[in-house]
PDB file of N, CA and C in Angstrom:
ATOM      1  N   UNK A   1     -22.259   1.811  33.078  1.00  0.00           N
ATOM      2  CA  UNK A   1     -20.977   1.805  32.388  1.00  0.00           C
ATOM      3  C   UNK A   1     -20.384   3.210  32.463  1.00  0.00           C
ATOM      4  N   UNK A   2     -19.324   3.355  33.215  1.00  0.00           N
ATOM      5  CA  UNK A   2     -18.658   4.660  33.310  1.00  0.00           C
ATOM      6  C   UNK A   2     -17.924   4.936  32.010  1.00  0.00           C
ATOM      7  N   UNK A   3     -18.016   6.153  31.571  1.00  0.00           N
ATOM      8  CA  UNK A   3     -17.360   6.520  30.318  1.00  0.00           C
ATOM      9  C   UNK A   3     -16.461   7.717  30.537  1.00  0.00           C
ATOM     10  N   UNK A   4     -15.643   7.969  29.543  1.00  0.00           N
ATOM     11  CA  UNK A   4     -14.803   9.167  29.571  1.00  0.00           C
ATOM     12  C   UNK A   4     -15.688  10.408  29.616  1.00  0.00           C
ATOM     13  N   UNK A   5     -16.890  10.315  29.003  1.00  0.00           N
ATOM     14  CA  UNK A   5     -17.785  11.475  28.992  1.00  0.00           C
ATOM     15  C   UNK A   5     -18.135  11.909  30.406  1.00  0.00           C
ATOM     16  N   UNK A   6     -18.243  10.965  31.342  1.00  0.00           N
ATOM     17  CA  UNK A   6     -18.610  11.320  32.703  1.00  0.00           C
ATOM     18  C   UNK A   6     -17.418  11.841  33.494  1.00  0.00           C
ATOM     19  N   UNK A   7     -16.186  11.639  32.996  1.00  0.00           N
ATOM     20  CA  UNK A   7     -14.987  12.065  33.693  1.00  0.00           C
ATOM     21  C   UNK A   7     -14.409  13.366  33.160  1.00  0.00           C
ATOM     22  N   UNK A   8     -14.764  13.729  31.968  1.00  0.00           N
ATOM     23  CA  UNK A   8     -14.186  14.940  31.381  1.00  0.00           C
ATOM     24  C   UNK A   8     -15.220  15.586  30.469  1.00  0.00           C
ATOM     25  N   UNK A   9     -15.186  16.888  30.423  1.00  0.00           N
ATOM     26  CA  UNK A   9     -16.132  17.594  29.578  1.00  0.00           C
ATOM     27  C   UNK A   9     -15.468  18.216  28.361  1.00  0.00           C
ATOM     28  N   UNK A  10     -14.158  18.175  28.278  1.00  0.00           N
ATOM     29  CA  UNK A  10     -13.437  18.855  27.224  1.00  0.00           C
ATOM     30  C   UNK A  10     -12.706  17.853  26.326  1.00  0.00           C
ATOM     31  N   UNK A  11     -13.455  16.973  25.675  1.00  0.00           N
ATOM     32  CA  UNK A  11     -12.855  15.971  24.799  1.00  0.00           C
ATOM     33  C   UNK A  11     -12.841  16.459  23.364  1.00  0.00           C
ATOM     34  N   UNK A  12     -11.819  16.057  22.654  1.00  0.00           N
ATOM     35  CA  UNK A  12     -11.789  16.378  21.230  1.00  0.00           C
ATOM     36  C   UNK A  12     -12.755  15.458  20.494  1.00  0.00           C
ATOM     37  N   UNK A  13     -13.079  15.793  19.278  1.00  0.00           N
ATOM     38  CA  UNK A  13     -13.921  14.932  18.454  1.00  0.00           C
ATOM     39  C   UNK A  13     -13.285  13.559  18.302  1.00  0.00           C
ATOM     40  N   UNK A  14     -11.954  13.523  18.194  1.00  0.00           N
ATOM     41  CA  UNK A  14     -11.237  12.261  18.034  1.00  0.00           C
ATOM     42  C   UNK A  14     -11.442  11.386  19.259  1.00  0.00           C
ATOM     43  N   UNK A  15     -11.296  11.967  20.453  1.00  0.00           N
ATOM     44  CA  UNK A  15     -11.472  11.205  21.682  1.00  0.00           C
ATOM     45  C   UNK A  15     -12.912  10.743  21.868  1.00  0.00           C
ATOM     46  N   UNK A  16     -13.858  11.610  21.530  1.00  0.00           N
ATOM     47  CA  UNK A  16     -15.268  11.227  21.639  1.00  0.00           C
ATOM     48  C   UNK A  16     -15.582  10.063  20.708  1.00  0.00           C
ATOM     49  N   UNK A  17     -15.073  10.144  19.476  1.00  0.00           N
ATOM     50  CA  UNK A  17     -15.314   9.058  18.529  1.00  0.00           C
ATOM     51  C   UNK A  17     -14.676   7.761  19.021  1.00  0.00           C
ATOM     52  N   UNK A  18     -13.468   7.849  19.557  1.00  0.00           N
ATOM     53  CA  UNK A  18     -12.802   6.673  20.102  1.00  0.00           C
ATOM     54  C   UNK A  18     -13.596   6.039  21.230  1.00  0.00           C
ATOM     55  N   UNK A  19     -14.127   6.849  22.126  1.00  0.00           N
ATOM     56  CA  UNK A  19     -14.937   6.344  23.238  1.00  0.00           C
ATOM     57  C   UNK A  19     -16.212   5.677  22.732  1.00  0.00           C
ATOM     58  N   UNK A  20     -16.873   6.290  21.784  1.00  0.00           N
ATOM     59  CA  UNK A  20     -18.095   5.714  21.221  1.00  0.00           C
ATOM     60  C   UNK A  20     -17.797   4.379  20.543  1.00  0.00           C
ATOM     61  N   UNK A  21     -16.707   4.315  19.767  1.00  0.00           N
ATOM     62  CA  UNK A  21     -16.341   3.059  19.102  1.00  0.00           C
ATOM     63  C   UNK A  21     -16.039   1.962  20.121  1.00  0.00           C
ATOM     64  N   UNK A  22     -15.419   2.307  21.254  1.00  0.00           N
ATOM     65  CA  UNK A  22     -15.145   1.326  22.308  1.00  0.00           C
ATOM     66  C   UNK A  22     -16.455   0.806  22.903  1.00  0.00           C
ATOM     67  N   UNK A  23     -17.406   1.695  23.128  1.00  0.00           N
ATOM     68  CA  UNK A  23     -18.708   1.285  23.647  1.00  0.00           C
ATOM     69  C   UNK A  23     -19.429   0.384  22.652  1.00  0.00           C
ATOM     70  N   UNK A  24     -19.344   0.726  21.370  1.00  0.00           N
ATOM     71  CA  UNK A  24     -19.971  -0.096  20.325  1.00  0.00           C
ATOM     72  C   UNK A  24     -19.361  -1.492  20.320  1.00  0.00           C
ATOM     73  N   UNK A  25     -18.038  -1.590  20.472  1.00  0.00           N
ATOM     74  CA  UNK A  25     -17.372  -2.893  20.501  1.00  0.00           C
ATOM     75  C   UNK A  25     -17.885  -3.733  21.674  1.00  0.00           C
ATOM     76  N   UNK A  26     -18.023  -3.111  22.848  1.00  0.00           N
ATOM     77  CA  UNK A  26     -18.549  -3.831  24.016  1.00  0.00           C
ATOM     78  C   UNK A  26     -19.977  -4.307  23.765  1.00  0.00           C
ATOM     79  N   UNK A  27     -20.809  -3.431  23.245  1.00  0.00           N
ATOM     80  CA  UNK A  27     -22.203  -3.788  22.974  1.00  0.00           C
ATOM     81  C   UNK A  27     -22.306  -4.850  21.880  1.00  0.00           C
ATOM     82  N   UNK A  28     -21.433  -4.785  20.882  1.00  0.00           N
ATOM     83  CA  UNK A  28     -21.434  -5.781  19.815  1.00  0.00           C
ATOM     84  C   UNK A  28     -21.109  -7.165  20.364  1.00  0.00           C
ATOM     85  N   UNK A  29     -20.171  -7.244  21.299  1.00  0.00           N
ATOM     86  CA  UNK A  29     -19.827  -8.527  21.912  1.00  0.00           C
ATOM     87  C   UNK A  29     -21.033  -9.118  22.649  1.00  0.00           C
ATOM     88  N   UNK A  30     -21.754  -8.285  23.379  1.00  0.00           N
ATOM     89  CA  UNK A  30     -22.956  -8.745  24.088  1.00  0.00           C
ATOM     90  C   UNK A  30     -24.019  -9.181  23.082  1.00  0.00           C
ATOM     91  N   UNK A  31     -24.225  -8.377  22.036  1.00  0.00           N
ATOM     92  CA  UNK A  31     -25.225  -8.701  21.018  1.00  0.00           C
ATOM     93  C   UNK A  31     -24.891 -10.016  20.313  1.00  0.00           C
ATOM     94  N   UNK A  32     -23.605 -10.246  20.014  1.00  0.00           N
ATOM     95  CA  UNK A  32     -23.188 -11.490  19.359  1.00  0.00           C
ATOM     96  C   UNK A  32     -23.498 -12.704  20.234  1.00  0.00           C
ATOM     97  N   UNK A  33     -23.251 -12.590  21.545  1.00  0.00           N
ATOM     98  CA  UNK A  33     -23.533 -13.693  22.471  1.00  0.00           C
ATOM     99  C   UNK A  33     -25.035 -13.977  22.532  1.00  0.00           C
ATOM    100  N   UNK A  34     -25.840 -12.920  22.632  1.00  0.00           N
ATOM    101  CA  UNK A  34     -27.294 -13.095  22.669  1.00  0.00           C
ATOM    102  C   UNK A  34     -27.813 -13.681  21.364  1.00  0.00           C
ATOM    103  N   UNK A  35     -27.265 -13.232  20.232  1.00  0.00           N
ATOM    104  CA  UNK A  35     -27.681 -13.759  18.922  1.00  0.00           C
ATOM    105  C   UNK A  35     -27.405 -15.250  18.829  1.00  0.00           C
ATOM    106  N   UNK A  36     -26.245 -15.675  19.300  1.00  0.00           N
ATOM    107  CA  UNK A  36     -25.899 -17.095  19.273  1.00  0.00           C
ATOM    108  C   UNK A  36     -26.882 -17.909  20.114  1.00  0.00           C
ATOM    109  N   UNK A  37     -27.251 -17.390  21.285  1.00  0.00           N
ATOM    110  CA  UNK A  37     -28.199 -18.094  22.152  1.00  0.00           C
ATOM    111  C   UNK A  37     -29.578 -18.194  21.487  1.00  0.00           C
ATOM    112  N   UNK A  38     -29.991 -17.137  20.819  1.00  0.00           N
ATOM    113  CA  UNK A  38     -31.292 -17.146  20.146  1.00  0.00           C
ATOM    114  C   UNK A  38     -31.269 -18.113  18.962  1.00  0.00           C
ATOM    115  N   UNK A  39     -30.177 -18.146  18.195  1.00  0.00           N
ATOM    116  CA  UNK A  39     -30.063 -19.066  17.064  1.00  0.00           C
ATOM    117  C   UNK A  39     -30.140 -20.516  17.509  1.00  0.00           C
ATOM    118  N   UNK A  40     -29.667 -20.798  18.732  1.00  0.00           N
ATOM    119  CA  UNK A  40     -29.734 -22.159  19.265  1.00  0.00           C
ATOM    120  C   UNK A  40     -31.174 -22.618  19.481  1.00  0.00           C
ATOM    121  N   UNK A  41     -32.131 -21.689  19.527  1.00  0.00           N
ATOM    122  CA  UNK A  41     -33.541 -22.047  19.653  1.00  0.00           C
ATOM    123  C   UNK A  41     -34.059 -22.726  18.389  1.00  0.00           C
ATOM    124  N   UNK A  42     -33.356 -22.539  17.278  1.00  0.00           N
ATOM    125  CA  UNK A  42     -33.731 -23.155  16.013  1.00  0.00           C
ATOM    126  C   UNK A  42     -34.549 -22.228  15.139  1.00  0.00           C
ATOM    127  N   UNK A  43     -34.814 -22.701  13.918  1.00  0.00           N
ATOM    128  CA  UNK A  43     -35.558 -21.904  12.937  1.00  0.00           C
ATOM    129  C   UNK A  43     -36.975 -21.638  13.428  1.00  0.00           C
ATOM    130  N   UNK A  44     -37.448 -20.444  13.102  1.00  0.00           N
ATOM    131  CA  UNK A  44     -38.806 -20.079  13.457  1.00  0.00           C
ATOM    132  C   UNK A  44     -38.858 -18.725  14.126  1.00  0.00           C
ATOM    133  N   UNK A  45     -40.038 -18.403  14.638  1.00  0.00           N
ATOM    134  CA  UNK A  45     -40.279 -17.123  15.287  1.00  0.00           C
ATOM    135  C   UNK A  45     -40.264 -17.331  16.796  1.00  0.00           C
ATOM    136  N   UNK A  46     -39.545 -16.481  17.500  1.00  0.00           N
ATOM    137  CA  UNK A  46     -39.414 -16.601  18.953  1.00  0.00           C
ATOM    138  C   UNK A  46     -39.734 -15.242  19.570  1.00  0.00           C
ATOM    139  N   UNK A  47     -40.664 -15.246  20.522  1.00  0.00           N
ATOM    140  CA  UNK A  47     -41.137 -13.999  21.111  1.00  0.00           C
ATOM    141  C   UNK A  47     -40.504 -13.705  22.457  1.00  0.00           C
ATOM    142  N   UNK A  48     -40.128 -12.440  22.632  1.00  0.00           N
ATOM    143  CA  UNK A  48     -39.747 -11.912  23.939  1.00  0.00           C
ATOM    144  C   UNK A  48     -40.898 -11.059  24.426  1.00  0.00           C
ATOM    145  N   UNK A  49     -40.697 -10.331  25.498  1.00  0.00           N
ATOM    146  CA  UNK A  49     -41.758  -9.451  25.993  1.00  0.00           C
ATOM    147  C   UNK A  49     -41.948  -8.237  25.096  1.00  0.00           C
ATOM    148  N   UNK A  50     -40.862  -7.765  24.482  1.00  0.00           N
ATOM    149  CA  UNK A  50     -40.933  -6.554  23.675  1.00  0.00           C
ATOM    150  C   UNK A  50     -40.632  -6.775  22.196  1.00  0.00           C
ATOM    151  N   UNK A  51     -39.925  -7.835  21.871  1.00  0.00           N
ATOM    152  CA  UNK A  51     -39.473  -8.054  20.498  1.00  0.00           C
ATOM    153  C   UNK A  51     -39.735  -9.497  20.076  1.00  0.00           C
ATOM    154  N   UNK A  52     -39.764  -9.695  18.776  1.00  0.00           N
ATOM    155  CA  UNK A  52     -39.859 -11.027  18.187  1.00  0.00           C
ATOM    156  C   UNK A  52     -38.616 -11.262  17.357  1.00  0.00           C
ATOM    157  N   UNK A  53     -38.033 -12.422  17.541  1.00  0.00           N
ATOM    158  CA  UNK A  53     -36.854 -12.785  16.753  1.00  0.00           C
ATOM    159  C   UNK A  53     -37.249 -13.883  15.777  1.00  0.00           C
ATOM    160  N   UNK A  54     -36.840 -13.740  14.543  1.00  0.00           N
ATOM    161  CA  UNK A  54     -37.080 -14.781  13.548  1.00  0.00           C
ATOM    162  C   UNK A  54     -35.744 -15.374  13.156  1.00  0.00           C
ATOM    163  N   UNK A  55     -35.618 -16.684  13.357  1.00  0.00           N
ATOM    164  CA  UNK A  55     -34.383 -17.392  13.016  1.00  0.00           C
ATOM    165  C   UNK A  55     -34.624 -18.120  11.701  1.00  0.00           C
ATOM    166  N   UNK A  56     -33.782 -17.854  10.731  1.00  0.00           N
ATOM    167  CA  UNK A  56     -33.868 -18.509   9.428  1.00  0.00           C
ATOM    168  C   UNK A  56     -32.560 -19.231   9.154  1.00  0.00           C
ATOM    169  N   UNK A  57     -32.675 -20.402   8.556  1.00  0.00           N
ATOM    170  CA  UNK A  57     -31.481 -21.150   8.172  1.00  0.00           C
ATOM    171  C   UNK A  57     -31.358 -21.047   6.657  1.00  0.00           C
ATOM    172  N   UNK A  58     -30.232 -20.552   6.190  1.00  0.00           N
ATOM    173  CA  UNK A  58     -29.993 -20.371   4.765  1.00  0.00           C
ATOM    174  C   UNK A  58     -29.085 -21.506   4.296  1.00  0.00           C
ATOM    175  N   UNK A  59     -29.534 -22.214   3.275  1.00  0.00           N
ATOM    176  CA  UNK A  59     -28.756 -23.331   2.750  1.00  0.00           C
ATOM    177  C   UNK A  59     -27.460 -22.856   2.108  1.00  0.00           C
ATOM    178  N   UNK A  60     -26.529 -23.778   2.015  1.00  0.00           N
ATOM    179  CA  UNK A  60     -25.263 -23.507   1.343  1.00  0.00           C
ATOM    180  C   UNK A  60     -25.536 -23.057  -0.084  1.00  0.00           C
ATOM    181  N   UNK A  61     -24.689 -22.173  -0.595  1.00  0.00           N
ATOM    182  CA  UNK A  61     -24.868 -21.701  -1.967  1.00  0.00           C
ATOM    183  C   UNK A  61     -23.525 -21.678  -2.666  1.00  0.00           C
ATOM    184  N   UNK A  62     -23.579 -21.662  -3.957  1.00  0.00           N
ATOM    185  CA  UNK A  62     -22.383 -21.661  -4.788  1.00  0.00           C
ATOM    186  C   UNK A  62     -22.311 -20.360  -5.566  1.00  0.00           C
ATOM    187  N   UNK A  63     -21.108 -19.888  -5.813  1.00  0.00           N
ATOM    188  CA  UNK A  63     -20.925 -18.701  -6.630  1.00  0.00           C
ATOM    189  C   UNK A  63     -19.649 -18.863  -7.443  1.00  0.00           C
ATOM    190  N   UNK A  64     -19.541 -18.062  -8.488  1.00  0.00           N
ATOM    191  CA  UNK A  64     -18.363 -18.133  -9.358  1.00  0.00           C
ATOM    192  C   UNK A  64     -17.151 -17.543  -8.635  1.00  0.00           C
ATOM    193  N   UNK A  65     -15.996 -18.122  -8.888  1.00  0.00           N
ATOM    194  CA  UNK A  65     -14.730 -17.606  -8.368  1.00  0.00           C
ATOM    195  C   UNK A  65     -14.214 -16.588  -9.392  1.00  0.00           C
ATOM    196  N   UNK A  66     -14.285 -15.287  -9.085  1.00  0.00           N
ATOM    197  CA  UNK A  66     -13.933 -14.283 -10.088  1.00  0.00           C
ATOM    198  C   UNK A  66     -12.499 -14.395 -10.605  1.00  0.00           C
ATOM    199  N   UNK A  67     -11.564 -14.778  -9.760  1.00  0.00           N
ATOM    200  CA  UNK A  67     -10.180 -14.900 -10.210  1.00  0.00           C
ATOM    201  C   UNK A  67     -10.022 -16.067 -11.179  1.00  0.00           C
ATOM    202  N   UNK A  68     -10.721 -17.166 -10.919  1.00  0.00           N
ATOM    203  CA  UNK A  68     -10.654 -18.315 -11.820  1.00  0.00           C
ATOM    204  C   UNK A  68     -11.311 -17.984 -13.165  1.00  0.00           C
ATOM    205  N   UNK A  69     -12.444 -17.272 -13.121  1.00  0.00           N
ATOM    206  CA  UNK A  69     -13.132 -16.866 -14.353  1.00  0.00           C
ATOM    207  C   UNK A  69     -12.233 -15.932 -15.159  1.00  0.00           C
ATOM    208  N   UNK A  70     -11.605 -14.991 -14.483  1.00  0.00           N
ATOM    209  CA  UNK A  70     -10.705 -14.061 -15.167  1.00  0.00           C
ATOM    210  C   UNK A  70      -9.562 -14.811 -15.846  1.00  0.00           C
ATOM    211  N   UNK A  71      -8.954 -15.735 -15.134  1.00  0.00           N
ATOM    212  CA  UNK A  71      -7.829 -16.489 -15.704  1.00  0.00           C
ATOM    213  C   UNK A  71      -8.265 -17.294 -16.929  1.00  0.00           C
ATOM    214  N   UNK A  72      -9.440 -17.922 -16.842  1.00  0.00           N
ATOM    215  CA  UNK A  72      -9.933 -18.729 -17.965  1.00  0.00           C
ATOM    216  C   UNK A  72     -10.262 -17.849 -19.162  1.00  0.00           C
ATOM    217  N   UNK A  73     -10.961 -16.732 -18.940  1.00  0.00           N
ATOM    218  CA  UNK A  73     -11.306 -15.820 -20.034  1.00  0.00           C
ATOM    219  C   UNK A  73     -10.051 -15.236 -20.680  1.00  0.00           C
ATOM    220  N   UNK A  74      -9.084 -14.881 -19.881  1.00  0.00           N
ATOM    221  CA  UNK A  74      -7.827 -14.343 -20.398  1.00  0.00           C
ATOM    222  C   UNK A  74      -7.136 -15.372 -21.279  1.00  0.00           C
ATOM    223  N   UNK A  75      -7.143 -16.631 -20.851  1.00  0.00           N
ATOM    224  CA  UNK A  75      -6.514 -17.692 -21.635  1.00  0.00           C
ATOM    225  C   UNK A  75      -7.258 -17.940 -22.940  1.00  0.00           C
ATOM    226  N   UNK A  76      -8.587 -17.870 -22.905  1.00  0.00           N
ATOM    227  CA  UNK A  76      -9.398 -18.162 -24.094  1.00  0.00           C
ATOM    228  C   UNK A  76      -9.437 -16.968 -25.053  1.00  0.00           C
ATOM    229  N   UNK A  77      -9.622 -15.761 -24.527  1.00  0.00           N
ATOM    230  CA  UNK A  77      -9.810 -14.578 -25.369  1.00  0.00           C
ATOM    231  C   UNK A  77      -8.504 -13.896 -25.766  1.00  0.00           C
ATOM    232  N   UNK A  78      -7.482 -14.058 -24.984  1.00  0.00           N
ATOM    233  CA  UNK A  78      -6.254 -13.310 -25.212  1.00  0.00           C
ATOM    234  C   UNK A  78      -6.358 -11.969 -24.509  1.00  0.00           C
ATOM    235  N   UNK A  79      -5.215 -11.323 -24.314  1.00  0.00           N
ATOM    236  CA  UNK A  79      -5.175 -10.113 -23.496  1.00  0.00           C
ATOM    237  C   UNK A  79      -5.996  -8.966 -24.068  1.00  0.00           C
ATOM    238  N   UNK A  80      -5.897  -8.717 -25.381  1.00  0.00           N
ATOM    239  CA  UNK A  80      -6.605  -7.579 -25.982  1.00  0.00           C
ATOM    240  C   UNK A  80      -8.116  -7.782 -25.944  1.00  0.00           C
ATOM    241  N   UNK A  81      -8.582  -8.961 -26.349  1.00  0.00           N
ATOM    242  CA  UNK A  81     -10.019  -9.241 -26.333  1.00  0.00           C
ATOM    243  C   UNK A  81     -10.559  -9.274 -24.909  1.00  0.00           C
ATOM    244  N   UNK A  82      -9.749  -9.795 -23.994  1.00  0.00           N
ATOM    245  CA  UNK A  82     -10.159  -9.840 -22.597  1.00  0.00           C
ATOM    246  C   UNK A  82     -10.351  -8.425 -22.060  1.00  0.00           C
ATOM    247  N   UNK A  83      -9.421  -7.511 -22.366  1.00  0.00           N
ATOM    248  CA  UNK A  83      -9.533  -6.123 -21.916  1.00  0.00           C
ATOM    249  C   UNK A  83     -10.796  -5.471 -22.473  1.00  0.00           C
ATOM    250  N   UNK A  84     -11.116  -5.737 -23.724  1.00  0.00           N
ATOM    251  CA  UNK A  84     -12.336  -5.191 -24.336  1.00  0.00           C
ATOM    252  C   UNK A  84     -13.578  -5.766 -23.659  1.00  0.00           C
ATOM    253  N   UNK A  85     -13.553  -7.071 -23.387  1.00  0.00           N
ATOM    254  CA  UNK A  85     -14.677  -7.740 -22.725  1.00  0.00           C
ATOM    255  C   UNK A  85     -14.926  -7.128 -21.343  1.00  0.00           C
ATOM    256  N   UNK A  86     -13.855  -6.937 -20.576  1.00  0.00           N
ATOM    257  CA  UNK A  86     -13.985  -6.376 -19.234  1.00  0.00           C
ATOM    258  C   UNK A  86     -14.495  -4.938 -19.308  1.00  0.00           C
ATOM    259  N   UNK A  87     -13.959  -4.149 -20.214  1.00  0.00           N
ATOM    260  CA  UNK A  87     -14.396  -2.755 -20.355  1.00  0.00           C
ATOM    261  C   UNK A  87     -15.883  -2.668 -20.684  1.00  0.00           C
ATOM    262  N   UNK A  88     -16.387  -3.608 -21.480  1.00  0.00           N
ATOM    263  CA  UNK A  88     -17.792  -3.596 -21.879  1.00  0.00           C
ATOM    264  C   UNK A  88     -18.724  -4.049 -20.753  1.00  0.00           C
ATOM    265  N   UNK A  89     -18.180  -4.691 -19.735  1.00  0.00           N
ATOM    266  CA  UNK A  89     -19.021  -5.249 -18.668  1.00  0.00           C
ATOM    267  C   UNK A  89     -18.687  -4.687 -17.289  1.00  0.00           C
ATOM    268  N   UNK A  90     -18.185  -3.462 -17.236  1.00  0.00           N
ATOM    269  CA  UNK A  90     -17.870  -2.843 -15.952  1.00  0.00           C
ATOM    270  C   UNK A  90     -19.091  -2.151 -15.373  1.00  0.00           C
ATOM    271  N   UNK A  91     -19.144  -2.083 -14.051  1.00  0.00           N
ATOM    272  CA  UNK A  91     -20.167  -1.268 -13.410  1.00  0.00           C
ATOM    273  C   UNK A  91     -19.469  -0.231 -12.561  1.00  0.00           C
ATOM    274  N   UNK A  92     -20.095   0.915 -12.427  1.00  0.00           N
ATOM    275  CA  UNK A  92     -19.494   2.025 -11.701  1.00  0.00           C
ATOM    276  C   UNK A  92     -19.963   2.011 -10.250  1.00  0.00           C
ATOM    277  N   UNK A  93     -19.022   2.178  -9.342  1.00  0.00           N
ATOM    278  CA  UNK A  93     -19.330   2.286  -7.922  1.00  0.00           C
ATOM    279  C   UNK A  93     -18.872   3.663  -7.459  1.00  0.00           C
ATOM    280  N   UNK A  94     -19.751   4.356  -6.773  1.00  0.00           N
ATOM    281  CA  UNK A  94     -19.432   5.710  -6.313  1.00  0.00           C
ATOM    282  C   UNK A  94     -18.275   5.679  -5.321  1.00  0.00           C
ATOM    283  N   UNK A  95     -17.446   6.702  -5.375  1.00  0.00           N
ATOM    284  CA  UNK A  95     -16.344   6.820  -4.435  1.00  0.00           C
ATOM    285  C   UNK A  95     -16.833   7.245  -3.063  1.00  0.00           C
ATOM    286  N   UNK A  96     -15.983   7.090  -2.061  1.00  0.00           N
ATOM    287  CA  UNK A  96     -16.346   7.477  -0.712  1.00  0.00           C
ATOM    288  C   UNK A  96     -15.085   7.825   0.070  1.00  0.00           C
ATOM    289  N   UNK A  97     -15.270   8.439   1.217  1.00  0.00           N
ATOM    290  CA  UNK A  97     -14.161   8.781   2.099  1.00  0.00           C
ATOM    291  C   UNK A  97     -14.201   7.842   3.293  1.00  0.00           C
ATOM    292  N   UNK A  98     -13.066   7.289   3.666  1.00  0.00           N
ATOM    293  CA  UNK A  98     -12.984   6.325   4.758  1.00  0.00           C
ATOM    294  C   UNK A  98     -12.247   6.924   5.945  1.00  0.00           C
ATOM    295  N   UNK A  99     -12.639   6.521   7.149  1.00  0.00           N
ATOM    296  CA  UNK A  99     -11.970   6.947   8.369  1.00  0.00           C
ATOM    297  C   UNK A  99     -11.709   5.718   9.219  1.00  0.00           C
ATOM    298  N   UNK A 100     -10.461   5.504   9.634  1.00  0.00           N
ATOM    299  CA  UNK A 100     -10.123   4.417  10.548  1.00  0.00           C
ATOM    300  C   UNK A 100      -9.620   5.028  11.834  1.00  0.00           C
ATOM    301  N   UNK A 101      -9.937   4.414  12.950  1.00  0.00           N
ATOM    302  CA  UNK A 101      -9.572   4.936  14.244  1.00  0.00           C
ATOM    303  C   UNK A 101      -8.909   3.834  15.041  1.00  0.00           C
ATOM    304  N   UNK A 102      -7.821   4.112  15.704  1.00  0.00           N
ATOM    305  CA  UNK A 102      -7.127   3.135  16.538  1.00  0.00           C
ATOM    306  C   UNK A 102      -6.778   3.786  17.868  1.00  0.00           C
ATOM    307  N   UNK A 103      -6.682   2.987  18.906  1.00  0.00           N
ATOM    308  CA  UNK A 103      -6.299   3.497  20.214  1.00  0.00           C
ATOM    309  C   UNK A 103      -4.851   3.966  20.170  1.00  0.00           C
ATOM    310  N   UNK A 104      -4.567   5.041  20.877  1.00  0.00           N
ATOM    311  CA  UNK A 104      -3.208   5.564  20.935  1.00  0.00           C
ATOM    312  C   UNK A 104      -2.373   4.687  21.851  1.00  0.00           C
ATOM    313  N   UNK A 105      -1.122   4.472  21.473  1.00  0.00           N
ATOM    314  CA  UNK A 105      -0.208   3.726  22.320  1.00  0.00           C
ATOM    315  C   UNK A 105       0.480   4.696  23.268  1.00  0.00           C
ATOM    316  N   UNK A 106       0.463   4.358  24.533  1.00  0.00           N
ATOM    317  CA  UNK A 106       1.059   5.287  25.503  1.00  0.00           C
ATOM    318  C   UNK A 106       2.522   5.004  25.763  1.00  0.00           C
TER     319      UNK A 106
END
């Protein structure tokens, strides 16, 4: 697979990251196709020469619809009690910095 790295030695960090993300996308497509073929083998353990793949089938599951629960609690508790209820049951998630990268349009 020829890359920009083999054609130029003076790439910016932005260009290098873009090239790596493009390679990851190509490899992900190949991995997805191989995963689908392996899943078609069915549940169980399947051996290759170097690796073993285990296919598991997970049954359907049910979960609460948070928007529906919120609407029902708001209707039953009223706005003030609902706000107190939510404040008492919050969990903290640490903040983070995000980076998105897109190909430049020429």
